[in-house]
Amino acid sequence: MAKQKPAQGGGMNQMMRQMQRMQADMAAAQEALEAETVEASVGGGMVTALVSGSGQLQRISISPDVVDPEDVEMLEDLVVAAVTEALRAAQELQTQKMGAVTGGLDLGALGGMLG
């Protein structure tokens, strides 16, 4: 009697279910990121940037004390620094949230298919 190979469809179905679950979890994490914000201040609080967890700049606050028509370059530098720091914090938040979903797995190109 010839030995029959076990059906392999079950493993593929289970993997597809896991991927669908991960996709749903990632969508929920992305939605949660939209609702969260991070804030960064520079220059002793003279310029503050507020960014959503998904990386969208939502607000810039500039203290009137830092507005000097003779030194616009300093103000520009402070704005860039505040936005850069807020975006870095948002990226860190994204890494934490998405890492919780993927278990730290580097999905590479597969991540683009998930959401």
N, C-alpha and C. Protein backbone atom coordinates (compact mmCIF):
# COMPACT_ATOMS: atom_id res chain seq x y z
N MET A 1 0.82 -1.18 0.00
CA MET A 1 0.00 0.00 0.00
C MET A 1 0.87 1.25 0.00
N ALA A 2 0.51 2.19 -0.83
CA ALA A 2 1.27 3.44 -0.91
C ALA A 2 0.81 4.38 0.20
N LYS A 3 1.78 5.06 0.76
CA LYS A 3 1.49 6.01 1.82
C LYS A 3 0.92 7.29 1.21
N GLN A 4 -0.16 7.84 1.78
CA GLN A 4 -0.75 9.08 1.28
C GLN A 4 -0.12 10.26 2.00
N LYS A 5 0.08 11.32 1.24
CA LYS A 5 0.61 12.55 1.83
C LYS A 5 -0.52 13.26 2.56
N PRO A 6 -0.21 13.86 3.72
CA PRO A 6 -1.25 14.63 4.42
C PRO A 6 -1.59 15.88 3.62
N ALA A 7 -2.83 16.28 3.72
CA ALA A 7 -3.27 17.49 3.01
C ALA A 7 -2.55 18.70 3.60
N GLN A 8 -2.08 19.58 2.71
CA GLN A 8 -1.34 20.75 3.16
C GLN A 8 -2.20 22.00 3.19
N GLY A 9 -3.43 21.91 2.74
CA GLY A 9 -4.31 23.07 2.70
C GLY A 9 -4.60 23.65 4.06
N GLY A 10 -4.64 22.82 5.10
CA GLY A 10 -4.95 23.29 6.45
C GLY A 10 -3.94 24.29 6.95
N GLY A 11 -2.66 24.03 6.69
CA GLY A 11 -1.61 24.95 7.13
C GLY A 11 -1.71 26.29 6.42
N MET A 12 -2.03 26.25 5.14
CA MET A 12 -2.16 27.49 4.37
C MET A 12 -3.37 28.27 4.85
N ASN A 13 -4.48 27.58 5.12
CA ASN A 13 -5.68 28.26 5.62
C ASN A 13 -5.40 28.91 6.97
N GLN A 14 -4.68 28.21 7.82
CA GLN A 14 -4.35 28.77 9.13
C GLN A 14 -3.47 30.00 8.98
N MET A 15 -2.50 29.94 8.07
CA MET A 15 -1.62 31.09 7.85
C MET A 15 -2.42 32.26 7.29
N MET A 16 -3.36 32.01 6.41
CA MET A 16 -4.19 33.09 5.86
C MET A 16 -5.05 33.73 6.96
N ARG A 17 -5.60 32.90 7.85
CA ARG A 17 -6.38 33.43 8.97
C ARG A 17 -5.51 34.30 9.88
N GLN A 18 -4.28 33.84 10.14
CA GLN A 18 -3.37 34.62 10.98
C GLN A 18 -3.03 35.95 10.30
N MET A 19 -2.82 35.94 9.00
CA MET A 19 -2.51 37.17 8.28
C MET A 19 -3.70 38.12 8.29
N GLN A 20 -4.91 37.58 8.14
CA GLN A 20 -6.10 38.42 8.20
C GLN A 20 -6.26 39.04 9.58
N ARG A 21 -5.97 38.26 10.62
CA ARG A 21 -6.05 38.76 11.98
C ARG A 21 -5.00 39.87 12.18
N MET A 22 -3.79 39.64 11.67
CA MET A 22 -2.73 40.63 11.80
C MET A 22 -3.10 41.90 11.03
N GLN A 23 -3.71 41.74 9.86
CA GLN A 23 -4.13 42.90 9.07
C GLN A 23 -5.17 43.71 9.85
N ALA A 24 -6.13 43.03 10.47
CA ALA A 24 -7.14 43.73 11.26
C ALA A 24 -6.51 44.42 12.46
N ASP A 25 -5.56 43.75 13.11
CA ASP A 25 -4.86 44.34 14.26
C ASP A 25 -4.06 45.56 13.83
N MET A 26 -3.42 45.49 12.66
CA MET A 26 -2.64 46.61 12.16
C MET A 26 -3.55 47.79 11.83
N ALA A 27 -4.71 47.52 11.25
CA ALA A 27 -5.66 48.59 10.95
C ALA A 27 -6.12 49.26 12.24
N ALA A 28 -6.37 48.47 13.26
CA ALA A 28 -6.78 49.03 14.55
C ALA A 28 -5.66 49.85 15.17
N ALA A 29 -4.43 49.38 15.05
CA ALA A 29 -3.28 50.12 15.58
C ALA A 29 -3.10 51.44 14.82
N GLN A 30 -3.29 51.41 13.50
CA GLN A 30 -3.18 52.64 12.71
C GLN A 30 -4.26 53.63 13.11
N GLU A 31 -5.45 53.13 13.35
CA GLU A 31 -6.55 54.00 13.78
C GLU A 31 -6.24 54.62 15.15
N ALA A 32 -5.68 53.82 16.04
CA ALA A 32 -5.30 54.32 17.35
C ALA A 32 -4.21 55.39 17.23
N LEU A 33 -3.29 55.19 16.30
CA LEU A 33 -2.23 56.19 16.09
C LEU A 33 -2.81 57.52 15.63
N GLU A 34 -3.84 57.47 14.81
CA GLU A 34 -4.49 58.70 14.34
C GLU A 34 -5.04 59.51 15.51
N ALA A 35 -5.50 58.79 16.54
CA ALA A 35 -6.13 59.45 17.68
C ALA A 35 -5.11 59.99 18.69
N GLU A 36 -3.87 59.48 18.63
CA GLU A 36 -2.85 59.92 19.58
C GLU A 36 -2.05 61.08 19.00
N THR A 37 -1.45 61.85 19.89
CA THR A 37 -0.59 62.95 19.47
C THR A 37 0.68 62.93 20.29
N VAL A 38 1.73 63.50 19.70
CA VAL A 38 2.98 63.71 20.42
C VAL A 38 3.34 65.18 20.23
N GLU A 39 4.04 65.70 21.22
CA GLU A 39 4.39 67.12 21.20
C GLU A 39 5.87 67.26 21.50
N ALA A 40 6.51 68.20 20.81
CA ALA A 40 7.91 68.48 21.08
C ALA A 40 8.10 69.98 21.16
N SER A 41 8.86 70.41 22.16
CA SER A 41 9.17 71.83 22.35
C SER A 41 10.67 72.03 22.27
N VAL A 42 11.06 73.16 21.70
CA VAL A 42 12.47 73.52 21.62
C VAL A 42 12.63 74.97 22.05
N GLY A 43 13.87 75.35 22.30
CA GLY A 43 14.12 76.74 22.68
C GLY A 43 13.49 77.09 24.01
N GLY A 44 13.49 76.14 24.93
CA GLY A 44 12.88 76.41 26.23
C GLY A 44 11.38 76.62 26.14
N GLY A 45 10.73 75.95 25.19
CA GLY A 45 9.28 76.06 25.04
C GLY A 45 8.86 77.18 24.10
N MET A 46 9.81 77.81 23.44
CA MET A 46 9.48 78.92 22.53
C MET A 46 8.73 78.46 21.29
N VAL A 47 9.06 77.24 20.81
CA VAL A 47 8.36 76.69 19.65
C VAL A 47 7.95 75.27 20.00
N THR A 48 6.68 74.96 19.77
CA THR A 48 6.14 73.63 20.06
C THR A 48 5.44 73.11 18.82
N ALA A 49 5.69 71.84 18.51
CA ALA A 49 5.03 71.17 17.38
C ALA A 49 4.19 70.03 17.92
N LEU A 50 2.98 69.91 17.42
CA LEU A 50 2.07 68.83 17.78
C LEU A 50 1.85 67.99 16.53
N VAL A 51 2.12 66.69 16.65
CA VAL A 51 2.04 65.77 15.52
C VAL A 51 1.16 64.59 15.92
N SER A 52 0.33 64.12 14.98
CA SER A 52 -0.47 62.92 15.26
C SER A 52 0.44 61.71 15.30
N GLY A 53 -0.05 60.65 15.90
CA GLY A 53 0.72 59.41 15.97
C GLY A 53 1.04 58.85 14.61
N SER A 54 0.29 59.24 13.60
CA SER A 54 0.55 58.77 12.24
C SER A 54 1.53 59.67 11.49
N GLY A 55 1.98 60.76 12.16
CA GLY A 55 3.00 61.60 11.56
C GLY A 55 2.50 62.84 10.86
N GLN A 56 1.25 63.22 11.08
CA GLN A 56 0.71 64.43 10.46
C GLN A 56 0.90 65.62 11.39
N LEU A 57 1.55 66.66 10.89
CA LEU A 57 1.73 67.88 11.67
C LEU A 57 0.36 68.53 11.87
N GLN A 58 0.01 68.75 13.14
CA GLN A 58 -1.31 69.30 13.43
C GLN A 58 -1.27 70.76 13.89
N ARG A 59 -0.19 71.14 14.59
CA ARG A 59 -0.15 72.50 15.09
C ARG A 59 1.29 72.91 15.39
N ILE A 60 1.56 74.17 15.16
CA ILE A 60 2.82 74.80 15.57
C ILE A 60 2.44 75.97 16.49
N SER A 61 3.06 76.03 17.64
CA SER A 61 2.87 77.16 18.55
C SER A 61 4.20 77.90 18.67
N ILE A 62 4.14 79.22 18.50
CA ILE A 62 5.34 80.04 18.56
C ILE A 62 5.10 81.15 19.59
N SER A 63 5.98 81.21 20.56
CA SER A 63 5.89 82.26 21.57
C SER A 63 6.20 83.61 20.92
N PRO A 64 5.44 84.63 21.22
CA PRO A 64 5.72 85.97 20.66
C PRO A 64 7.12 86.47 21.02
N ASP A 65 7.66 85.96 22.13
CA ASP A 65 8.99 86.39 22.56
C ASP A 65 10.09 86.00 21.57
N VAL A 66 9.85 84.97 20.77
CA VAL A 66 10.88 84.49 19.85
C VAL A 66 10.76 85.14 18.47
N VAL A 67 9.71 85.88 18.24
CA VAL A 67 9.50 86.52 16.94
C VAL A 67 10.31 87.81 16.89
N ASP A 68 11.38 87.73 16.11
CA ASP A 68 12.27 88.89 15.95
C ASP A 68 12.48 89.09 14.45
N PRO A 69 11.93 90.16 13.89
CA PRO A 69 12.07 90.39 12.45
C PRO A 69 13.53 90.49 12.00
N GLU A 70 14.41 90.77 12.93
CA GLU A 70 15.83 90.87 12.60
C GLU A 70 16.52 89.50 12.60
N ASP A 71 15.84 88.47 13.14
CA ASP A 71 16.46 87.14 13.23
C ASP A 71 15.46 86.05 12.85
N VAL A 72 14.94 86.14 11.65
CA VAL A 72 13.98 85.16 11.15
C VAL A 72 14.62 83.78 11.06
N GLU A 73 15.89 83.73 10.76
CA GLU A 73 16.59 82.45 10.60
C GLU A 73 16.54 81.62 11.89
N MET A 74 16.69 82.26 13.04
CA MET A 74 16.62 81.53 14.31
C MET A 74 15.23 80.92 14.49
N LEU A 75 14.20 81.67 14.17
CA LEU A 75 12.84 81.17 14.30
C LEU A 75 12.63 79.98 13.35
N GLU A 76 13.11 80.10 12.14
CA GLU A 76 13.00 79.00 11.18
C GLU A 76 13.70 77.75 11.71
N ASP A 77 14.89 77.93 12.28
CA ASP A 77 15.64 76.79 12.84
C ASP A 77 14.87 76.14 13.99
N LEU A 78 14.26 76.96 14.83
CA LEU A 78 13.48 76.42 15.95
C LEU A 78 12.26 75.64 15.47
N VAL A 79 11.60 76.15 14.44
CA VAL A 79 10.43 75.44 13.88
C VAL A 79 10.86 74.10 13.31
N VAL A 80 11.94 74.10 12.54
CA VAL A 80 12.43 72.84 11.95
C VAL A 80 12.80 71.86 13.06
N ALA A 81 13.48 72.33 14.10
CA ALA A 81 13.89 71.46 15.20
C ALA A 81 12.68 70.88 15.92
N ALA A 82 11.67 71.69 16.18
CA ALA A 82 10.47 71.21 16.88
C ALA A 82 9.72 70.18 16.05
N VAL A 83 9.56 70.45 14.76
CA VAL A 83 8.85 69.51 13.89
C VAL A 83 9.64 68.21 13.76
N THR A 84 10.94 68.32 13.59
CA THR A 84 11.79 67.12 13.48
C THR A 84 11.67 66.25 14.72
N GLU A 85 11.73 66.87 15.89
CA GLU A 85 11.63 66.11 17.14
C GLU A 85 10.25 65.49 17.31
N ALA A 86 9.20 66.22 16.96
CA ALA A 86 7.84 65.67 17.08
C ALA A 86 7.64 64.51 16.11
N LEU A 87 8.16 64.63 14.90
CA LEU A 87 8.06 63.53 13.94
C LEU A 87 8.84 62.31 14.40
N ARG A 88 10.00 62.54 15.02
CA ARG A 88 10.78 61.42 15.57
C ARG A 88 9.98 60.71 16.66
N ALA A 89 9.34 61.49 17.52
CA ALA A 89 8.53 60.90 18.59
C ALA A 89 7.34 60.13 18.02
N ALA A 90 6.73 60.65 16.95
CA ALA A 90 5.62 59.96 16.31
C ALA A 90 6.10 58.64 15.69
N GLN A 91 7.27 58.66 15.09
CA GLN A 91 7.84 57.43 14.50
C GLN A 91 8.10 56.39 15.58
N GLU A 92 8.59 56.84 16.72
CA GLU A 92 8.83 55.93 17.84
C GLU A 92 7.51 55.33 18.33
N LEU A 93 6.48 56.14 18.41
CA LEU A 93 5.16 55.66 18.81
C LEU A 93 4.64 54.64 17.80
N GLN A 94 4.82 54.91 16.51
CA GLN A 94 4.39 53.98 15.47
C GLN A 94 5.12 52.65 15.61
N THR A 95 6.41 52.71 15.87
CA THR A 95 7.20 51.49 16.02
C THR A 95 6.70 50.67 17.20
N GLN A 96 6.37 51.35 18.30
CA GLN A 96 5.86 50.64 19.48
C GLN A 96 4.52 49.98 19.17
N LYS A 97 3.60 50.75 18.57
CA LYS A 97 2.25 50.23 18.30
C LYS A 97 2.28 49.09 17.29
N MET A 98 3.00 49.29 16.20
CA MET A 98 3.04 48.27 15.16
C MET A 98 3.87 47.07 15.60
N GLY A 99 4.90 47.32 16.41
CA GLY A 99 5.70 46.22 16.94
C GLY A 99 4.87 45.30 17.82
N ALA A 100 3.91 45.87 18.53
CA ALA A 100 3.02 45.07 19.37
C ALA A 100 2.15 44.16 18.50
N VAL A 101 1.79 44.64 17.32
CA VAL A 101 0.94 43.84 16.43
C VAL A 101 1.75 42.74 15.75
N THR A 102 2.93 43.09 15.28
CA THR A 102 3.73 42.13 14.50
C THR A 102 4.69 41.33 15.35
N GLY A 103 4.75 41.63 16.65
CA GLY A 103 5.67 40.92 17.52
C GLY A 103 7.12 41.24 17.18
N GLY A 104 7.36 42.43 16.62
CA GLY A 104 8.71 42.83 16.26
C GLY A 104 9.18 42.23 14.96
N LEU A 105 8.31 41.51 14.28
CA LEU A 105 8.64 40.86 13.01
C LEU A 105 8.89 41.90 11.94
N ASP A 106 9.95 41.76 11.17
CA ASP A 106 10.20 42.64 10.04
C ASP A 106 9.48 42.03 8.85
N LEU A 107 8.37 42.66 8.47
CA LEU A 107 7.55 42.10 7.40
C LEU A 107 8.06 42.44 6.01
N GLY A 108 8.98 43.37 5.91
CA GLY A 108 9.53 43.74 4.61
C GLY A 108 8.45 44.09 3.63
N ALA A 109 8.51 43.54 2.43
CA ALA A 109 7.52 43.83 1.38
C ALA A 109 6.15 43.30 1.74
N LEU A 110 6.08 42.29 2.57
CA LEU A 110 4.79 41.73 2.97
C LEU A 110 3.96 42.74 3.73
N GLY A 111 4.62 43.64 4.47
CA GLY A 111 3.91 44.66 5.24
C GLY A 111 3.05 45.55 4.36
N GLY A 112 3.50 45.83 3.14
CA GLY A 112 2.72 46.66 2.22
C GLY A 112 1.43 46.00 1.79
N MET A 113 1.41 44.68 1.79
CA MET A 113 0.21 43.95 1.40
C MET A 113 -0.82 43.92 2.53
N LEU A 114 -0.36 44.18 3.75
CA LEU A 114 -1.26 44.06 4.91
C LEU A 114 -2.02 45.32 5.22
N GLY A 115 -1.70 46.41 4.60
CA GLY A 115 -2.49 47.58 4.95
C GLY A 115 -1.90 48.84 4.56
